[in-house]
Amino acid sequence: MNIEAVTNRAKELGLSQANIAETLQVSREAVSQWFKNEKFPRPDKLLKLVRTLNLGFDEMVISTFTVNDPVVTFHRKGERKVTRSKQPVSLPVPVSELASRITSIIETARNRIQSVVDHEMVHAYWKIGREIVEDEQNAEKRAGYGKSLLKNLTTVLTLQYGKGFDYSNLKNMRQFYMTYPIGDALRSQLSWTHYRLLMRIDDPNKRSFYEIECANGLWSTREMERQMNSLLYERELEKALLEHLQKFLLELGKGFSFVARQKRITLDGDHFFIDLVFYNYILKCFVLIDLKIGKLAHQDLGQMQMYVNYYTREMMNDGDIPPIGILLCGSNSDAVVRFTLPEGNNQICASRYKLYLPTEDELRGELMKDRKLFEQHRESDRP
């Protein structure tokens, strides 16, 4: 049991730092330091906090061990004893190595115990959600039943178990079952807090991506939230799609030569990056490709027009025809393809371009196929 597990449990139960400070008779500043992992609570306060949070421990042994400052704290049969060395202890190397190995065994066992506890609570919340959903489905169809059901349940369960079963938490459990209807598919590596973060994601493919990455990487909830905020899914998907598109165009056999990826151009002191740049030596023109994940926006079209105009002014060689831009939008349900020529040139459907460029349907089909392959690959990574 570690302080992070304790503070996470406190948050799940809806206990504020002020509540904890009052219960343990300590300052709010001390509780704040615990939650920030800046300071570890006194063993007696930690034990009282564990009991307050109803974590299921009647007797508890808490111990940390370092070679220079060994500390052992334990509680047994109503007695508490704290032993702390008054000065650093110098141990023979064999004993020090043995102590290190034993410490590793103890910490591993504790982590496994906590993992089992977390997994059992996740399954309990899933079962509660199932009971609520099935009761709603079996009940007579009458207005407001679901809302009144949760309110009534909140009253009963809060009286018996505390704030961990308030209205919002019961709604989360209901949503949990509806989002993950197969209980056996729940992952032992993920806590209830992990799943609450995942349920914020509407796109099932995106949610599955973070679920798999979190389980395989043993991410903490803080790390998972950081990765979600950094748009890891979008970046990985974009990288995979661009790699396949590059390969597709080079294998098309219609004069495409690769020039650059993430080509940087500078306009008025600002830097921009074009996803893929090709030169078609049959057409004698540059082909610029930009990929967007999600819905296509008007500003995306304007940005591609800016790229094409820049290449027309700065990069065309003698004998070249105007460059062409291809804007691809790989949304979850469909793919959008837009061609762009320099301003004032409306010959986008000119027969010369058609002979050597892939059609909209070809690009759209390739994009959807590549996205499907990406999702299938992620699913195959499930442990």
Protein backbone atom coordinates (compact mmCIF):
# COMPACT_ATOMS: atom_id res chain seq x y z
CA MET A 1 0.00 0.00 0.00
CA ASN A 2 1.48 3.37 -0.97
CA ILE A 3 0.39 6.93 -0.46
CA GLU A 4 -0.61 7.30 -4.12
CA ALA A 5 -3.07 4.42 -3.77
CA VAL A 6 -4.47 5.94 -0.58
CA THR A 7 -4.92 9.42 -2.05
CA ASN A 8 -6.47 7.98 -5.22
CA ARG A 9 -8.96 6.11 -3.08
CA ALA A 10 -9.77 9.30 -1.18
CA LYS A 11 -10.49 11.07 -4.44
CA GLU A 12 -12.73 8.20 -5.61
CA LEU A 13 -14.76 8.51 -2.40
CA GLY A 14 -15.08 12.26 -2.88
CA LEU A 15 -13.26 13.11 0.35
CA SER A 16 -11.80 16.59 0.31
CA GLN A 17 -8.45 17.42 1.86
CA ALA A 18 -10.34 19.38 4.51
CA ASN A 19 -12.38 16.27 5.43
CA ILE A 20 -9.22 14.18 5.78
CA ALA A 21 -7.43 16.86 7.82
CA GLU A 22 -10.36 17.07 10.24
CA THR A 23 -10.66 13.28 10.58
CA LEU A 24 -6.94 12.75 11.21
CA GLN A 25 -6.53 15.92 13.27
CA VAL A 26 -3.73 17.26 11.13
CA SER A 27 -3.27 20.50 9.22
CA ARG A 28 -4.64 20.96 5.72
CA GLU A 29 -1.13 21.85 4.60
CA ALA A 30 0.11 18.40 5.67
CA VAL A 31 -2.68 16.67 3.73
CA SER A 32 -1.91 18.81 0.69
CA GLN A 33 1.72 17.66 0.84
CA TRP A 34 0.59 14.01 0.94
CA PHE A 35 -1.56 14.45 -2.15
CA LYS A 36 1.32 16.10 -4.01
CA ASN A 37 3.70 13.31 -2.92
CA GLU A 38 5.92 15.98 -1.33
CA LYS A 39 5.85 14.37 2.08
CA PHE A 40 4.93 10.92 3.41
CA PRO A 41 2.45 10.87 6.34
CA ARG A 42 3.43 9.55 9.74
CA PRO A 43 2.79 5.79 9.94
CA ASP A 44 0.08 6.18 12.58
CA LYS A 45 -1.70 8.81 10.50
CA LEU A 46 -1.39 6.64 7.37
CA LEU A 47 -2.89 3.66 9.21
CA LYS A 48 -5.79 5.80 10.45
CA LEU A 49 -6.29 7.15 6.95
CA VAL A 50 -6.38 3.60 5.54
CA ARG A 51 -9.07 2.67 8.06
CA THR A 52 -11.02 5.86 7.37
CA LEU A 53 -11.08 5.03 3.66
CA ASN A 54 -12.44 1.56 4.44
CA LEU A 55 -9.78 -0.23 2.42
CA GLY A 56 -10.40 -3.51 4.22
CA PHE A 57 -7.36 -3.69 6.51
CA ASP A 58 -7.89 -4.65 10.18
CA GLU A 59 -4.19 -5.01 10.84
CA MET A 60 -1.51 -3.56 8.68
CA VAL A 61 2.28 -3.69 8.43
CA ILE A 62 3.90 -0.70 6.77
CA SER A 63 7.63 -0.81 6.17
CA THR A 64 10.18 0.97 4.04
CA PHE A 65 13.82 0.04 4.04
CA THR A 66 16.91 1.80 2.79
CA VAL A 67 20.46 0.88 3.68
CA ASN A 68 21.31 4.32 5.08
CA ASP A 69 18.06 4.95 6.98
CA PRO A 70 16.06 1.80 7.75
CA VAL A 71 12.53 2.42 9.04
CA VAL A 72 10.13 -0.28 10.16
CA THR A 73 6.63 0.58 11.32
CA PHE A 74 4.08 -2.06 12.30
CA HIS A 75 0.77 -2.41 14.05
CA ARG A 76 -0.39 -5.61 15.69
CA LYS A 77 -3.11 -6.45 18.22
CA GLY A 78 -3.84 -2.86 19.10
CA GLU A 79 -0.23 -1.87 19.72
CA ARG A 80 1.91 0.42 17.67
CA LYS A 81 5.65 0.49 17.69
CA VAL A 82 7.98 2.65 15.63
CA THR A 83 11.67 1.88 15.32
CA ARG A 84 14.00 4.32 13.61
CA SER A 85 17.74 4.27 13.48
CA LYS A 86 19.42 7.25 15.14
CA GLN A 87 22.31 7.18 12.70
CA PRO A 88 23.12 5.67 9.30
CA VAL A 89 23.79 1.95 9.40
CA SER A 90 26.84 0.52 7.67
CA LEU A 91 26.13 -3.01 6.46
CA PRO A 92 28.50 -5.58 4.98
CA VAL A 93 28.13 -5.80 1.19
CA PRO A 94 26.56 -9.33 1.20
CA VAL A 95 23.96 -8.23 3.78
CA SER A 96 23.27 -5.04 1.86
CA GLU A 97 22.70 -6.98 -1.36
CA LEU A 98 20.45 -9.46 0.44
CA ALA A 99 18.44 -6.62 1.97
CA SER A 100 18.04 -5.08 -1.46
CA ARG A 101 16.73 -8.35 -2.95
CA ILE A 102 14.31 -8.87 -0.04
CA THR A 103 13.09 -5.28 -0.38
CA SER A 104 12.40 -5.92 -4.05
CA ILE A 105 10.36 -9.04 -3.18
CA ILE A 106 8.32 -7.14 -0.59
CA GLU A 107 7.61 -4.19 -2.88
CA THR A 108 6.64 -6.50 -5.75
CA ALA A 109 4.23 -8.38 -3.50
CA ARG A 110 2.67 -5.14 -2.26
CA ASN A 111 2.19 -3.85 -5.78
CA ARG A 112 0.54 -7.11 -6.81
CA ILE A 113 -1.79 -7.00 -3.83
CA GLN A 114 -2.79 -3.44 -4.68
CA SER A 115 -3.32 -4.45 -8.31
CA VAL A 116 -5.62 -7.29 -7.25
CA VAL A 117 -7.60 -4.95 -4.97
CA ASP A 118 -7.95 -2.37 -7.75
CA HIS A 119 -9.05 -5.01 -10.27
CA GLU A 120 -11.68 -6.40 -7.89
CA MET A 121 -13.07 -2.91 -7.32
CA VAL A 122 -13.21 -2.31 -11.08
CA HIS A 123 -15.19 -5.54 -11.51
CA ALA A 124 -17.46 -4.55 -8.64
CA TYR A 125 -18.23 -1.20 -10.29
CA TRP A 126 -18.85 -2.97 -13.61
CA LYS A 127 -21.31 -5.35 -11.94
CA ILE A 128 -23.08 -2.45 -10.23
CA GLY A 129 -23.41 -0.75 -13.61
CA ARG A 130 -24.81 -3.95 -15.11
CA GLU A 131 -27.40 -4.23 -12.34
CA ILE A 132 -28.52 -0.64 -12.91
CA VAL A 133 -28.77 -1.01 -16.70
CA GLU A 134 -30.62 -4.34 -16.54
CA ASP A 135 -33.03 -2.98 -13.95
CA GLU A 136 -33.76 -0.01 -16.19
CA GLN A 137 -34.31 -2.28 -19.18
CA ASN A 138 -36.63 -4.63 -17.27
CA ALA A 139 -38.63 -1.87 -15.60
CA GLU A 140 -41.85 -0.51 -16.97
CA LYS A 141 -41.30 2.31 -19.45
CA ARG A 142 -42.14 5.35 -17.42
CA ALA A 143 -40.70 8.83 -17.60
CA GLY A 144 -37.89 9.65 -15.22
CA TYR A 145 -37.48 6.12 -13.86
CA GLY A 146 -33.76 5.96 -14.53
CA LYS A 147 -33.12 9.33 -12.86
CA SER A 148 -35.22 8.52 -9.81
CA LEU A 149 -33.59 5.09 -9.56
CA LEU A 150 -30.10 6.55 -9.29
CA LYS A 151 -31.24 9.16 -6.78
CA ASN A 152 -32.85 6.53 -4.58
CA LEU A 153 -29.80 4.27 -4.83
CA THR A 154 -27.56 7.19 -3.91
CA THR A 155 -29.52 7.78 -0.71
CA VAL A 156 -29.32 4.14 0.38
CA LEU A 157 -25.70 3.44 -0.58
CA THR A 158 -24.29 6.73 0.69
CA LEU A 159 -25.77 6.09 4.12
CA GLN A 160 -24.13 2.68 4.19
CA TYR A 161 -20.82 3.24 2.36
CA GLY A 162 -20.17 6.97 2.15
CA LYS A 163 -19.55 9.33 -0.76
CA GLY A 164 -18.08 6.70 -3.06
CA PHE A 165 -21.60 5.89 -4.23
CA ASP A 166 -23.06 9.31 -4.86
CA TYR A 167 -25.17 10.14 -7.91
CA SER A 168 -22.26 11.02 -10.22
CA ASN A 169 -20.33 7.86 -9.35
CA LEU A 170 -23.36 5.66 -9.97
CA LYS A 171 -23.78 7.36 -13.34
CA ASN A 172 -20.13 6.54 -14.08
CA MET A 173 -20.70 2.88 -13.19
CA ARG A 174 -23.74 2.76 -15.44
CA GLN A 175 -21.73 4.29 -18.29
CA PHE A 176 -18.86 1.89 -17.52
CA TYR A 177 -21.03 -1.15 -18.19
CA MET A 178 -22.51 0.40 -21.34
CA THR A 179 -19.03 1.28 -22.67
CA TYR A 180 -17.48 -2.09 -21.74
CA PRO A 181 -20.32 -4.63 -21.91
CA ILE A 182 -17.94 -7.63 -21.80
CA GLY A 183 -16.66 -7.99 -18.25
CA ASP A 184 -13.98 -10.54 -19.13
CA ALA A 185 -12.33 -7.96 -21.41
CA LEU A 186 -11.52 -5.63 -18.50
CA ARG A 187 -7.81 -5.28 -17.92
CA SER A 188 -6.16 -6.04 -14.61
CA GLN A 189 -3.52 -3.34 -15.29
CA LEU A 190 -6.12 -0.55 -15.33
CA SER A 191 -7.67 1.05 -12.26
CA TRP A 192 -11.09 2.66 -11.93
CA THR A 193 -9.48 6.07 -12.48
CA HIS A 194 -7.97 4.82 -15.75
CA TYR A 195 -11.37 3.68 -16.96
CA ARG A 196 -13.03 6.94 -16.00
CA LEU A 197 -10.51 8.78 -18.19
CA LEU A 198 -11.07 6.35 -21.06
CA MET A 199 -14.84 6.81 -20.90
CA ARG A 200 -14.39 10.47 -21.82
CA ILE A 201 -13.31 9.38 -25.33
CA ASP A 202 -16.21 8.97 -27.75
CA ASP A 203 -14.25 7.38 -30.62
CA PRO A 204 -14.05 3.63 -29.84
CA ASN A 205 -10.88 3.17 -31.91
CA LYS A 206 -9.15 6.01 -30.12
CA ARG A 207 -10.34 4.72 -26.74
CA SER A 208 -9.07 1.22 -27.56
CA PHE A 209 -5.69 2.66 -28.59
CA TYR A 210 -5.13 4.32 -25.21
CA GLU A 211 -6.46 1.28 -23.37
CA ILE A 212 -3.91 -0.97 -25.09
CA GLU A 213 -1.01 1.47 -24.74
CA CYS A 214 -1.79 2.03 -21.06
CA ALA A 215 -1.96 -1.70 -20.29
CA ASN A 216 1.20 -2.54 -22.23
CA GLY A 217 3.15 0.43 -20.86
CA LEU A 218 1.81 0.15 -17.29
CA TRP A 219 0.98 3.87 -17.36
CA SER A 220 -0.14 5.67 -14.25
CA THR A 221 -3.34 7.70 -14.59
CA ARG A 222 -1.24 10.86 -14.71
CA GLU A 223 0.88 9.47 -17.55
CA MET A 224 -2.19 8.34 -19.50
CA GLU A 225 -3.78 11.77 -19.18
CA ARG A 226 -0.52 13.39 -20.32
CA GLN A 227 -0.38 11.13 -23.39
CA MET A 228 -4.01 11.88 -24.22
CA ASN A 229 -3.40 15.62 -23.96
CA SER A 230 -0.34 15.29 -26.21
CA LEU A 231 -2.59 13.74 -28.93
CA LEU A 232 -0.52 10.57 -29.09
CA TYR A 233 -3.26 8.68 -30.98
CA GLU A 234 -3.54 11.34 -33.68
CA ARG A 235 0.24 11.52 -34.10
CA GLU A 236 0.63 7.74 -34.36
CA LEU A 237 -2.26 7.46 -36.81
CA GLU A 238 -0.93 10.29 -38.96
CA LYS A 239 2.53 8.74 -39.04
CA ALA A 240 1.17 5.36 -40.14
CA LEU A 241 -1.07 6.85 -42.85
CA LEU A 242 1.71 9.00 -44.27
CA GLU A 243 4.07 6.03 -44.47
CA HIS A 244 1.47 4.03 -46.42
CA LEU A 245 0.63 6.96 -48.71
CA GLN A 246 4.29 7.50 -49.51
CA LYS A 247 4.68 3.85 -50.41
CA PHE A 248 1.46 3.85 -52.45
CA LEU A 249 2.49 6.82 -54.62
CA LEU A 250 6.01 5.55 -55.22
CA GLU A 251 4.65 2.15 -56.26
CA LEU A 252 2.03 3.73 -58.52
CA GLY A 253 4.56 3.85 -61.35
CA LYS A 254 3.46 7.21 -62.72
CA GLY A 255 6.58 9.31 -62.33
CA PHE A 256 6.51 10.11 -58.61
CA SER A 257 9.82 10.86 -56.91
CA PHE A 258 10.02 11.45 -53.16
CA VAL A 259 11.39 14.86 -52.11
CA ALA A 260 10.72 15.42 -48.41
CA ARG A 261 8.62 14.60 -45.41
CA GLN A 262 7.57 17.32 -42.98
CA LYS A 263 9.11 19.88 -45.34
CA ARG A 264 9.59 23.16 -43.50
CA ILE A 265 8.80 26.43 -45.24
CA THR A 266 8.96 29.91 -43.71
CA LEU A 267 6.48 32.67 -44.45
CA ASP A 268 6.68 36.07 -42.74
CA GLY A 269 8.83 34.56 -40.00
CA ASP A 270 6.42 31.70 -39.25
CA HIS A 271 7.37 28.06 -39.88
CA PHE A 272 5.02 25.59 -41.54
CA PHE A 273 5.49 21.89 -42.30
CA ILE A 274 4.15 20.11 -45.37
CA ASP A 275 3.54 16.43 -44.64
CA LEU A 276 4.77 15.00 -47.97
CA VAL A 277 6.43 16.57 -51.02
CA PHE A 278 6.90 14.70 -54.30
CA TYR A 279 8.12 15.70 -57.74
CA ASN A 280 6.48 14.09 -60.73
CA TYR A 281 9.13 14.01 -63.44
CA ILE A 282 6.58 13.14 -66.15
CA LEU A 283 4.26 16.04 -65.34
CA LYS A 284 7.24 18.19 -64.32
CA CYS A 285 5.55 19.58 -61.23
CA PHE A 286 5.66 19.37 -57.45
CA VAL A 287 2.92 17.44 -55.67
CA LEU A 288 2.24 18.57 -52.11
CA ILE A 289 0.27 16.38 -49.71
CA ASP A 290 -1.14 17.36 -46.33
CA LEU A 291 -3.04 14.96 -44.06
CA LYS A 292 -5.57 15.96 -41.42
CA ILE A 293 -6.97 13.65 -38.76
CA GLY A 294 -10.58 14.52 -37.97
CA LYS A 295 -12.99 16.86 -39.72
CA LEU A 296 -11.80 19.06 -42.54
CA ALA A 297 -11.86 22.78 -41.69
CA HIS A 298 -11.94 25.79 -43.99
CA GLN A 299 -8.57 26.93 -42.63
CA ASP A 300 -7.04 23.62 -43.81
CA LEU A 301 -8.02 24.44 -47.39
CA GLY A 302 -6.57 27.92 -47.00
CA GLN A 303 -3.31 26.53 -45.65
CA MET A 304 -2.90 24.16 -48.59
CA GLN A 305 -3.57 27.05 -50.98
CA MET A 306 -0.78 28.96 -49.24
CA TYR A 307 1.63 26.00 -49.71
CA VAL A 308 0.82 25.74 -53.43
CA ASN A 309 1.23 29.49 -53.96
CA TYR A 310 4.59 29.40 -52.15
CA TYR A 311 5.90 26.58 -54.34
CA THR A 312 4.65 28.43 -57.44
CA ARG A 313 6.61 31.56 -56.49
CA GLU A 314 9.72 30.05 -54.93
CA MET A 315 10.29 26.47 -56.07
CA MET A 316 9.21 26.08 -59.72
CA ASN A 317 11.98 25.50 -62.25
CA ASP A 318 12.04 26.45 -65.92
CA GLY A 319 9.72 24.15 -67.83
CA ASP A 320 7.70 23.14 -64.75
CA ILE A 321 3.94 23.33 -64.71
CA PRO A 322 2.18 24.71 -61.60
CA PRO A 323 2.38 22.52 -58.48
CA ILE A 324 -0.68 20.74 -57.22
CA GLY A 325 -1.76 20.22 -53.64
CA ILE A 326 -3.68 17.23 -52.32
CA LEU A 327 -5.44 17.66 -48.99
CA LEU A 328 -6.49 14.42 -47.33
CA CYS A 329 -8.82 14.19 -44.35
CA GLY A 330 -8.89 10.80 -42.65
CA SER A 331 -11.95 10.94 -40.41
CA ASN A 332 -13.19 7.88 -38.56
CA SER A 333 -16.18 7.22 -40.83
CA ASP A 334 -15.08 8.59 -44.18
CA ALA A 335 -12.17 10.12 -46.07
CA VAL A 336 -12.19 13.46 -47.89
CA VAL A 337 -9.84 14.37 -50.76
CA ARG A 338 -9.36 17.89 -52.13
CA PHE A 339 -7.09 18.98 -54.99
CA THR A 340 -5.62 22.52 -55.07
CA LEU A 341 -3.89 24.50 -57.82
CA PRO A 342 -2.36 28.01 -57.66
CA GLU A 343 -4.84 30.88 -57.41
CA GLY A 344 -6.32 31.86 -60.75
CA ASN A 345 -5.73 28.40 -62.24
CA ASN A 346 -8.92 26.40 -62.54
CA GLN A 347 -7.54 23.60 -64.68
CA ILE A 348 -7.72 21.10 -61.82
CA CYS A 349 -9.44 18.54 -63.97
CA ALA A 350 -7.14 19.03 -66.95
CA SER A 351 -6.48 15.80 -68.77
CA ARG A 352 -2.72 16.12 -68.28
CA TYR A 353 -3.04 15.94 -64.50
CA LYS A 354 -5.59 13.14 -64.68
CA LEU A 355 -3.20 10.90 -66.58
CA TYR A 356 -0.63 10.72 -63.81
CA LEU A 357 -2.36 11.56 -60.53
CA PRO A 358 -4.41 9.06 -58.56
CA THR A 359 -8.13 9.79 -58.59
CA GLU A 360 -10.10 11.00 -55.58
CA ASP A 361 -11.68 7.56 -55.25
CA GLU A 362 -8.29 5.84 -55.34
CA LEU A 363 -6.87 8.12 -52.65
CA ARG A 364 -10.01 7.85 -50.53
CA GLY A 365 -9.99 4.04 -50.76
CA GLU A 366 -6.28 3.87 -49.92
CA LEU A 367 -6.75 6.15 -46.92
CA MET A 368 -9.63 4.12 -45.49
CA LYS A 369 -7.77 0.85 -46.09
CA ASP A 370 -4.66 2.15 -44.35
CA ARG A 371 -6.66 3.39 -41.38
CA LYS A 372 -8.34 0.00 -41.04
CA LEU A 373 -4.95 -1.71 -41.10
CA PHE A 374 -3.71 0.62 -38.38
CA GLU A 375 -6.66 -0.21 -36.11
CA GLN A 376 -6.27 -3.95 -36.76
CA HIS A 377 -2.57 -3.73 -35.90
CA ARG A 378 -3.36 -2.03 -32.60
CA GLU A 379 -5.93 -4.69 -31.75
CA SER A 380 -3.31 -7.40 -32.39
CA ASP A 381 -1.17 -5.75 -29.69
CA ARG A 382 -3.71 -6.65 -27.01
CA PRO A 383 -1.98 -8.74 -24.31
